[in-house]
Amino acid sequence: MGLDAGLLAEACHEGLQATINQHTPFDPVIAFGFEHWAKTVSAVRKYLDSLGWRAHDRANAPRSVSPNKDLTAIAAMGGNANTGNPDKRPANARSKGTVFRDEVDDNAALSHIQLAHQPALDLSEGVTTADAAVARGIPLHTWILLYFWDRTENVLRCELSLPIACDDGIITQWHTRIILPEAPLEPAGLEAIPQRGPTDDVDFDVVAL
């Protein structure tokens, strides 16, 4: 894919740091997770854009698509605690919908054809870029950029991996995993986020203005 693992990890770090910097105690409990994802997508897209990749949103699912004819796309999403650990089997932290499941099915089909060296109809004939492939609805290899913030060690772990099976929107099998360099955070990063569960009550007083 011609990507720099260190710079890709740095983009993930940038997304988390931007989320931490803008977070306030007044935000809804669910805000941090969404903002972490949104800022990571933004930072990764910015890095990939500098390499000629194009941003696409199919049914509001943000993807970056390679400028080459390798028919490759990348999607960023939060992973579970096994993310970035070569001895564990990671998965996405939240179940994904139809678009994602179709992409995993495409990955499985394309990987099977390559491994078995089977002849297949070349749907990409005449297509010079993955960008054009998206416009024609041609299947892509969709790699998942998983990220996980380990608050115990205050480190961000990431990997760029290719899923080929999922169950109810959760990845169950990978074809290839590329572990990215860990990104340590500043000690103050963890303290910036309140340790409050989604069901905690919040006390407040009503006063006249």
Protein backbone atom coordinates (compact mmCIF):
# COMPACT_ATOMS: atom_id res chain seq x y z
CA MET A 1 0.00 0.00 0.00
CA GLY A 2 3.03 2.26 0.28
CA LEU A 3 2.10 3.57 3.73
CA ASP A 4 4.43 4.49 6.59
CA ALA A 5 3.43 2.54 9.72
CA GLY A 6 4.86 5.20 12.02
CA LEU A 7 2.99 8.03 10.32
CA LEU A 8 -0.24 6.04 10.30
CA ALA A 9 0.12 5.42 14.04
CA GLU A 10 0.92 9.11 14.49
CA ALA A 11 -2.35 10.03 12.76
CA CYS A 12 -4.24 7.81 15.22
CA HIS A 13 -2.38 9.48 18.09
CA GLU A 14 -3.31 12.89 16.68
CA GLY A 15 -6.98 11.91 16.64
CA LEU A 16 -6.95 10.80 20.28
CA GLN A 17 -4.97 13.81 21.45
CA ALA A 18 -7.36 16.19 19.68
CA THR A 19 -10.28 14.47 21.42
CA ILE A 20 -8.64 14.72 24.84
CA ASN A 21 -7.77 18.38 24.29
CA GLN A 22 -11.34 19.41 23.47
CA HIS A 23 -13.12 17.21 26.02
CA THR A 24 -14.80 18.96 28.95
CA PRO A 25 -16.53 17.67 32.09
CA PHE A 26 -19.77 19.08 30.66
CA ASP A 27 -19.86 16.77 27.64
CA PRO A 28 -22.32 13.85 27.55
CA VAL A 29 -20.77 10.56 28.64
CA ILE A 30 -21.09 9.12 25.13
CA ALA A 31 -19.44 12.15 23.50
CA PHE A 32 -15.84 11.07 24.02
CA GLY A 33 -16.14 7.78 22.15
CA PHE A 34 -17.82 9.40 19.15
CA GLU A 35 -15.37 12.30 19.05
CA HIS A 36 -12.42 9.90 19.36
CA TRP A 37 -13.66 8.04 16.30
CA ALA A 38 -14.47 11.20 14.34
CA LYS A 39 -11.12 12.86 15.07
CA THR A 40 -9.25 9.66 14.23
CA VAL A 41 -11.06 9.36 10.90
CA SER A 42 -10.22 13.00 10.19
CA ALA A 43 -6.52 12.66 11.07
CA VAL A 44 -6.10 9.42 9.12
CA ARG A 45 -7.89 10.87 6.11
CA LYS A 46 -5.65 13.93 6.22
CA TYR A 47 -2.53 11.74 6.18
CA LEU A 48 -3.85 9.53 3.39
CA ASP A 49 -5.00 12.57 1.40
CA SER A 50 -1.37 13.74 1.32
CA LEU A 51 -0.57 10.48 -0.49
CA GLY A 52 -3.35 10.90 -3.04
CA TRP A 53 -5.98 8.74 -1.36
CA ARG A 54 -9.60 9.88 -1.76
CA ALA A 55 -12.26 10.16 0.94
CA HIS A 56 -15.53 8.35 0.25
CA ASP A 57 -18.69 8.00 2.34
CA ARG A 58 -20.88 5.08 1.34
CA ALA A 59 -24.10 5.17 3.36
CA ASN A 60 -22.33 7.47 5.85
CA ALA A 61 -19.50 4.93 6.33
CA PRO A 62 -16.26 6.93 5.94
CA ARG A 63 -13.55 5.25 3.88
CA SER A 64 -10.29 6.34 2.26
CA VAL A 65 -9.60 4.79 -1.14
CA SER A 66 -6.19 4.20 -2.71
CA PRO A 67 -5.21 6.17 -5.83
CA ASN A 68 -3.70 3.00 -7.32
CA LYS A 69 -5.27 0.07 -9.14
CA ASP A 70 -4.78 -2.23 -6.13
CA LEU A 71 -8.46 -1.60 -5.27
CA THR A 72 -7.79 -0.90 -1.60
CA ALA A 73 -9.78 1.06 0.98
CA ILE A 74 -9.15 1.82 4.67
CA ALA A 75 -11.73 2.30 7.43
CA ALA A 76 -10.89 3.44 10.97
CA MET A 77 -12.80 2.01 13.92
CA GLY A 78 -12.37 1.33 17.61
CA GLY A 79 -11.10 -2.09 18.61
CA ASN A 80 -11.24 -4.19 21.76
CA ALA A 81 -8.46 -4.70 24.31
CA ASN A 82 -6.72 -7.26 22.06
CA THR A 83 -6.00 -4.62 19.44
CA GLY A 84 -2.32 -4.32 18.59
CA ASN A 85 -1.41 -7.52 20.44
CA PRO A 86 0.06 -10.10 18.02
CA ASP A 87 -0.69 -12.93 20.46
CA LYS A 88 -4.39 -12.10 20.79
CA ARG A 89 -7.33 -12.06 18.41
CA PRO A 90 -8.78 -8.55 18.22
CA ALA A 91 -12.20 -7.44 17.05
CA ASN A 92 -14.05 -4.20 16.52
CA ALA A 93 -15.50 -2.84 19.76
CA ARG A 94 -18.98 -2.22 18.36
CA SER A 95 -21.12 -4.20 15.94
CA LYS A 96 -21.24 -2.73 12.44
CA GLY A 97 -23.99 -2.66 9.85
CA THR A 98 -24.69 -3.84 6.34
CA VAL A 99 -22.03 -1.79 4.53
CA PHE A 100 -19.29 -3.21 6.73
CA ARG A 101 -20.59 -6.77 6.48
CA ASP A 102 -20.67 -6.52 2.69
CA GLU A 103 -17.08 -5.26 2.72
CA VAL A 104 -15.95 -8.22 4.83
CA ASP A 105 -17.72 -10.59 2.43
CA ASP A 106 -15.90 -8.92 -0.47
CA ASN A 107 -12.58 -9.31 1.35
CA ALA A 108 -13.25 -13.02 1.87
CA ALA A 109 -14.20 -13.57 -1.77
CA LEU A 110 -11.22 -11.65 -3.13
CA SER A 111 -8.79 -13.34 -0.73
CA HIS A 112 -10.14 -16.80 -1.63
CA ILE A 113 -9.63 -16.13 -5.32
CA GLN A 114 -6.04 -15.01 -4.71
CA LEU A 115 -5.15 -17.92 -2.43
CA ALA A 116 -6.68 -20.53 -4.71
CA HIS A 117 -5.28 -18.88 -7.85
CA GLN A 118 -8.68 -19.26 -9.40
CA PRO A 119 -9.49 -17.53 -12.67
CA ALA A 120 -12.15 -14.89 -12.15
CA LEU A 121 -14.06 -12.35 -14.18
CA ASP A 122 -12.00 -9.17 -14.13
CA LEU A 123 -14.60 -6.61 -13.11
CA SER A 124 -11.89 -3.96 -12.90
CA GLU A 125 -11.08 -4.08 -16.61
CA GLY A 126 -10.75 -0.52 -17.81
CA VAL A 127 -10.60 0.82 -14.26
CA THR A 128 -7.38 2.71 -13.58
CA THR A 129 -7.97 3.70 -9.96
CA ALA A 130 -9.83 2.44 -6.90
CA ASP A 131 -11.63 5.77 -6.97
CA ALA A 132 -13.17 4.76 -10.30
CA ALA A 133 -13.89 1.30 -8.90
CA VAL A 134 -16.00 2.86 -6.13
CA ALA A 135 -18.02 4.74 -8.72
CA ARG A 136 -18.71 1.47 -10.56
CA GLY A 137 -19.49 -0.51 -7.42
CA ILE A 138 -16.55 -2.87 -7.89
CA PRO A 139 -15.52 -4.74 -4.68
CA LEU A 140 -12.46 -3.43 -2.85
CA HIS A 141 -10.06 -4.88 -0.32
CA THR A 142 -11.20 -2.94 2.76
CA TRP A 143 -8.55 -2.85 5.49
CA ILE A 144 -9.54 -1.90 9.03
CA LEU A 145 -7.44 0.51 11.05
CA LEU A 146 -8.25 -0.63 14.58
CA TYR A 147 -7.30 1.57 17.54
CA PHE A 148 -7.56 1.00 21.29
CA TRP A 149 -6.64 3.37 24.11
CA ASP A 150 -5.22 1.30 26.98
CA ARG A 151 -5.95 3.60 29.91
CA THR A 152 -4.07 1.38 32.36
CA GLU A 153 -0.78 1.88 30.51
CA ASN A 154 -1.90 5.15 28.90
CA VAL A 155 -0.83 3.97 25.47
CA LEU A 156 -2.61 3.87 22.11
CA ARG A 157 -2.38 0.54 20.30
CA CYS A 158 -3.28 0.26 16.61
CA GLU A 159 -3.14 -2.18 13.74
CA LEU A 160 -4.02 -2.20 10.06
CA SER A 161 -5.66 -5.53 9.32
CA LEU A 162 -7.79 -7.27 6.70
CA PRO A 163 -10.96 -8.99 8.00
CA ILE A 164 -12.44 -11.92 6.09
CA ALA A 165 -15.22 -13.06 8.44
CA CYS A 166 -17.64 -11.48 10.89
CA ASP A 167 -20.60 -12.52 13.00
CA ASP A 168 -23.39 -10.03 13.55
CA GLY A 169 -21.08 -7.18 12.57
CA ILE A 170 -18.18 -8.28 14.81
CA ILE A 171 -14.95 -9.45 13.14
CA THR A 172 -14.12 -13.10 13.83
CA GLN A 173 -11.29 -13.82 11.40
CA TRP A 174 -8.40 -11.92 9.83
CA HIS A 175 -6.47 -12.63 6.65
CA THR A 176 -3.55 -10.34 7.48
CA ARG A 177 -2.63 -8.22 10.50
CA ILE A 178 -0.07 -5.40 10.51
CA ILE A 179 0.76 -4.20 14.02
CA LEU A 180 1.59 -0.49 14.16
CA PRO A 181 4.05 1.13 16.61
CA GLU A 182 2.54 1.94 19.99
CA ALA A 183 1.93 5.61 20.71
CA PRO A 184 2.54 6.57 24.37
CA LEU A 185 0.50 9.51 25.61
CA GLU A 186 1.38 12.34 27.93
CA PRO A 187 0.68 11.45 31.60
CA ALA A 188 -1.94 14.19 31.76
CA GLY A 189 -3.95 12.57 28.97
CA LEU A 190 -5.66 9.99 31.16
CA GLU A 191 -6.52 12.49 33.86
CA ALA A 192 -8.29 14.74 31.36
CA ILE A 193 -11.13 12.25 30.93
CA PRO A 194 -13.54 11.85 33.85
CA GLN A 195 -13.91 8.27 35.08
CA ARG A 196 -17.69 8.21 35.01
CA GLY A 197 -19.92 5.42 33.82
CA PRO A 198 -22.89 6.05 31.53
CA THR A 199 -25.37 5.25 34.31
CA ASP A 200 -23.88 7.57 36.95
CA ASP A 201 -26.23 10.21 38.32
CA VAL A 202 -25.28 13.85 38.08
CA ASP A 203 -26.29 16.18 40.92
CA PHE A 204 -27.14 19.78 40.15
CA ASP A 205 -28.82 22.73 41.86
CA VAL A 206 -31.48 24.94 40.31
CA VAL A 207 -31.02 28.59 41.19
CA ALA A 208 -32.70 31.82 40.08
CA LEU A 209 -30.76 33.97 37.62
